[in-house]
C-alpha atoms as a PDB file:
ATOM      1  CA  UNK A   1     114.318  98.356 -72.310  1.00  0.00           C
ATOM      2  CA  UNK A   2     117.334  99.680 -74.215  1.00  0.00           C
ATOM      3  CA  UNK A   3     120.247  97.506 -75.342  1.00  0.00           C
ATOM      4  CA  UNK A   4     122.435  99.036 -72.642  1.00  0.00           C
ATOM      5  CA  UNK A   5     119.832  98.312 -69.955  1.00  0.00           C
ATOM      6  CA  UNK A   6     119.528  94.733 -71.200  1.00  0.00           C
ATOM      7  CA  UNK A   7     123.326  94.337 -71.104  1.00  0.00           C
ATOM      8  CA  UNK A   8     123.505  95.763 -67.570  1.00  0.00           C
ATOM      9  CA  UNK A   9     120.720  93.469 -66.346  1.00  0.00           C
ATOM     10  CA  UNK A  10     122.366  90.450 -67.988  1.00  0.00           C
ATOM     11  CA  UNK A  11     125.675  91.221 -66.276  1.00  0.00           C
ATOM     12  CA  UNK A  12     123.954  91.481 -62.903  1.00  0.00           C
ATOM     13  CA  UNK A  13     122.035  88.254 -63.563  1.00  0.00           C
ATOM     14  CA  UNK A  14     125.295  86.454 -64.394  1.00  0.00           C
ATOM     15  CA  UNK A  15     126.833  87.661 -61.133  1.00  0.00           C
ATOM     16  CA  UNK A  16     123.835  86.637 -59.072  1.00  0.00           C
ATOM     17  CA  UNK A  17     123.717  83.169 -60.673  1.00  0.00           C
ATOM     18  CA  UNK A  18     127.134  82.360 -59.160  1.00  0.00           C
ATOM     19  CA  UNK A  19     126.392  84.107 -55.867  1.00  0.00           C
ATOM     20  CA  UNK A  20     128.678  87.097 -56.377  1.00  0.00           C
ATOM     21  CA  UNK A  21     128.713  89.411 -53.372  1.00  0.00           C
ATOM     22  CA  UNK A  22     128.657  93.177 -52.777  1.00  0.00           C
ATOM     23  CA  UNK A  23     127.378  94.038 -56.247  1.00  0.00           C
ATOM     24  CA  UNK A  24     127.544  97.729 -57.060  1.00  0.00           C
ATOM     25  CA  UNK A  25     126.801  99.706 -60.227  1.00  0.00           C
ATOM     26  CA  UNK A  26     128.315 103.138 -60.722  1.00  0.00           C
ATOM     27  CA  UNK A  27     126.711 105.333 -63.360  1.00  0.00           C
ATOM     28  CA  UNK A  28     129.470 107.387 -64.992  1.00  0.00           C
ATOM     29  CA  UNK A  29     127.480 108.892 -67.886  1.00  0.00           C
ATOM     30  CA  UNK A  30     127.450 112.369 -66.380  1.00  0.00           C
ATOM     31  CA  UNK A  31     131.086 112.348 -65.215  1.00  0.00           C
ATOM     32  CA  UNK A  32     133.353 114.300 -67.576  1.00  0.00           C
ATOM     33  CA  UNK A  33     136.178 112.190 -68.980  1.00  0.00           C
ATOM     34  CA  UNK A  34     134.695 108.846 -67.894  1.00  0.00           C
ATOM     35  CA  UNK A  35     135.809 105.906 -70.039  1.00  0.00           C
ATOM     36  CA  UNK A  36     132.393 104.208 -70.001  1.00  0.00           C
ATOM     37  CA  UNK A  37     128.784 104.699 -68.916  1.00  0.00           C
ATOM     38  CA  UNK A  38     128.797 102.139 -66.083  1.00  0.00           C
ATOM     39  CA  UNK A  39     131.132 100.241 -63.823  1.00  0.00           C
ATOM     40  CA  UNK A  40     129.771  97.037 -62.342  1.00  0.00           C
ATOM     41  CA  UNK A  41     131.800  95.850 -59.358  1.00  0.00           C
ATOM     42  CA  UNK A  42     131.440  92.626 -57.410  1.00  0.00           C
ATOM     43  CA  UNK A  43     133.496  90.066 -55.537  1.00  0.00           C
ATOM     44  CA  UNK A  44     134.011  86.360 -55.193  1.00  0.00           C
ATOM     45  CA  UNK A  45     135.476  84.639 -52.130  1.00  0.00           C
ATOM     46  CA  UNK A  46     138.149  82.638 -53.985  1.00  0.00           C
ATOM     47  CA  UNK A  47     139.961  82.783 -57.347  1.00  0.00           C
ATOM     48  CA  UNK A  48     137.797  79.836 -58.433  1.00  0.00           C
ATOM     49  CA  UNK A  49     134.621  81.818 -57.723  1.00  0.00           C
ATOM     50  CA  UNK A  50     136.044  84.961 -59.375  1.00  0.00           C
ATOM     51  CA  UNK A  51     136.682  82.896 -62.510  1.00  0.00           C
ATOM     52  CA  UNK A  52     133.221  81.290 -62.310  1.00  0.00           C
ATOM     53  CA  UNK A  53     131.629  84.740 -62.036  1.00  0.00           C
ATOM     54  CA  UNK A  54     133.401  85.886 -65.207  1.00  0.00           C
ATOM     55  CA  UNK A  55     132.286  82.741 -67.048  1.00  0.00           C
ATOM     56  CA  UNK A  56     128.706  83.191 -65.845  1.00  0.00           C
ATOM     57  CA  UNK A  57     128.617  86.837 -66.942  1.00  0.00           C
ATOM     58  CA  UNK A  58     130.005  85.893 -70.354  1.00  0.00           C
ATOM     59  CA  UNK A  59     127.464  83.082 -70.846  1.00  0.00           C
ATOM     60  CA  UNK A  60     124.483  85.085 -69.570  1.00  0.00           C
ATOM     61  CA  UNK A  61     125.300  88.143 -71.681  1.00  0.00           C
ATOM     62  CA  UNK A  62     125.778  86.009 -74.812  1.00  0.00           C
ATOM     63  CA  UNK A  63     122.493  84.185 -74.183  1.00  0.00           C
ATOM     64  CA  UNK A  64     120.481  87.356 -73.522  1.00  0.00           C
ATOM     65  CA  UNK A  65     122.093  89.988 -75.748  1.00  0.00           C
ATOM     66  CA  UNK A  66     124.409  88.119 -78.149  1.00  0.00           C
ATOM     67  CA  UNK A  67     127.248  90.442 -77.094  1.00  0.00           C
ATOM     68  CA  UNK A  68     130.839  89.498 -76.384  1.00  0.00           C
ATOM     69  CA  UNK A  69     133.291  91.440 -74.252  1.00  0.00           C
ATOM     70  CA  UNK A  70     135.769  93.576 -76.188  1.00  0.00           C
ATOM     71  CA  UNK A  71     138.510  92.499 -73.766  1.00  0.00           C
ATOM     72  CA  UNK A  72     138.884  90.349 -70.676  1.00  0.00           C
ATOM     73  CA  UNK A  73     141.925  90.725 -68.401  1.00  0.00           C
ATOM     74  CA  UNK A  74     143.107  88.860 -65.322  1.00  0.00           C
ATOM     75  CA  UNK A  75     141.794  85.378 -66.037  1.00  0.00           C
ATOM     76  CA  UNK A  76     145.069  83.577 -65.310  1.00  0.00           C
ATOM     77  CA  UNK A  77     145.341  84.634 -61.664  1.00  0.00           C
ATOM     78  CA  UNK A  78     141.621  85.286 -61.150  1.00  0.00           C
ATOM     79  CA  UNK A  79     142.199  87.772 -58.339  1.00  0.00           C
ATOM     80  CA  UNK A  80     140.779  90.693 -60.309  1.00  0.00           C
ATOM     81  CA  UNK A  81     139.104  90.104 -63.647  1.00  0.00           C
ATOM     82  CA  UNK A  82     138.113  93.050 -65.811  1.00  0.00           C
ATOM     83  CA  UNK A  83     135.553  92.584 -68.579  1.00  0.00           C
ATOM     84  CA  UNK A  84     135.118  95.408 -71.093  1.00  0.00           C
ATOM     85  CA  UNK A  85     131.756  95.559 -72.843  1.00  0.00           C
ATOM     86  CA  UNK A  86     132.404  99.003 -74.322  1.00  0.00           C
ATOM     87  CA  UNK A  87     129.917 101.161 -72.413  1.00  0.00           C
ATOM     88  CA  UNK A  88     130.023  98.887 -69.360  1.00  0.00           C
ATOM     89  CA  UNK A  89     133.160  97.677 -67.595  1.00  0.00           C
ATOM     90  CA  UNK A  90     132.862  94.840 -65.087  1.00  0.00           C
ATOM     91  CA  UNK A  91     135.343  94.399 -62.225  1.00  0.00           C
ATOM     92  CA  UNK A  92     135.331  91.097 -60.333  1.00  0.00           C
ATOM     93  CA  UNK A  93     137.581  91.125 -57.263  1.00  0.00           C
ATOM     94  CA  UNK A  94     138.737  89.036 -54.374  1.00  0.00           C
ATOM     95  CA  UNK A  95     137.575  90.980 -51.267  1.00  0.00           C
ATOM     96  CA  UNK A  96     141.068  92.035 -50.137  1.00  0.00           C
ATOM     97  CA  UNK A  97     141.967  93.425 -53.578  1.00  0.00           C
ATOM     98  CA  UNK A  98     138.674  95.266 -53.862  1.00  0.00           C
ATOM     99  CA  UNK A  99     139.384  96.906 -50.530  1.00  0.00           C
ATOM    100  CA  UNK A 100     142.967  97.734 -51.543  1.00  0.00           C
ATOM    101  CA  UNK A 101     142.090  99.356 -54.891  1.00  0.00           C
ATOM    102  CA  UNK A 102     138.881 100.960 -53.562  1.00  0.00           C
ATOM    103  CA  UNK A 103     137.542 101.787 -57.029  1.00  0.00           C
ATOM    104  CA  UNK A 104     134.027 101.974 -55.596  1.00  0.00           C
ATOM    105  CA  UNK A 105     134.920 105.403 -54.210  1.00  0.00           C
ATOM    106  CA  UNK A 106     136.928 106.877 -57.090  1.00  0.00           C
ATOM    107  CA  UNK A 107     133.877 108.658 -58.478  1.00  0.00           C
ATOM    108  CA  UNK A 108     132.071 109.871 -55.383  1.00  0.00           C
ATOM    109  CA  UNK A 109     130.119 112.354 -57.508  1.00  0.00           C
ATOM    110  CA  UNK A 110     128.699 109.526 -59.649  1.00  0.00           C
ATOM    111  CA  UNK A 111     125.428 107.789 -58.837  1.00  0.00           C
ATOM    112  CA  UNK A 112     125.952 104.330 -57.380  1.00  0.00           C
ATOM    113  CA  UNK A 113     123.516 101.573 -56.585  1.00  0.00           C
ATOM    114  CA  UNK A 114     124.013  98.477 -54.462  1.00  0.00           C
ATOM    115  CA  UNK A 115     122.375  95.377 -55.897  1.00  0.00           C
ATOM    116  CA  UNK A 116     121.217  92.630 -53.520  1.00  0.00           C
ATOM    117  CA  UNK A 117     123.173  89.394 -53.490  1.00  0.00           C
ATOM    118  CA  UNK A 118     121.192  86.201 -53.912  1.00  0.00           C
ATOM    119  CA  UNK A 119     121.993  83.635 -51.239  1.00  0.00           C
END
């Protein structure tokens, strides 16, 4: 398993630990001009859960890969938190904001995968 695969799996594990919903990965490697290799998108029902998801991702990634995000935005309002891990950018949304911004469909030519939620 490569470092990038380990990072991606750790991010997904962190989301699943706090019961994040509608998890999707979008592989952008082959898209010209893409800012990263992957987007990971998920949602939490409340700002408290959105914040908990970000904390869980951070802790799980540090434990498994010893990596820290380059930047984290949106923690104060916790309606949309973006976590930049360089080659992987994580977006954690409230459902209504995810629907409004619709970033899942910005790269329709990219390969996407839906990851099962753990209930």
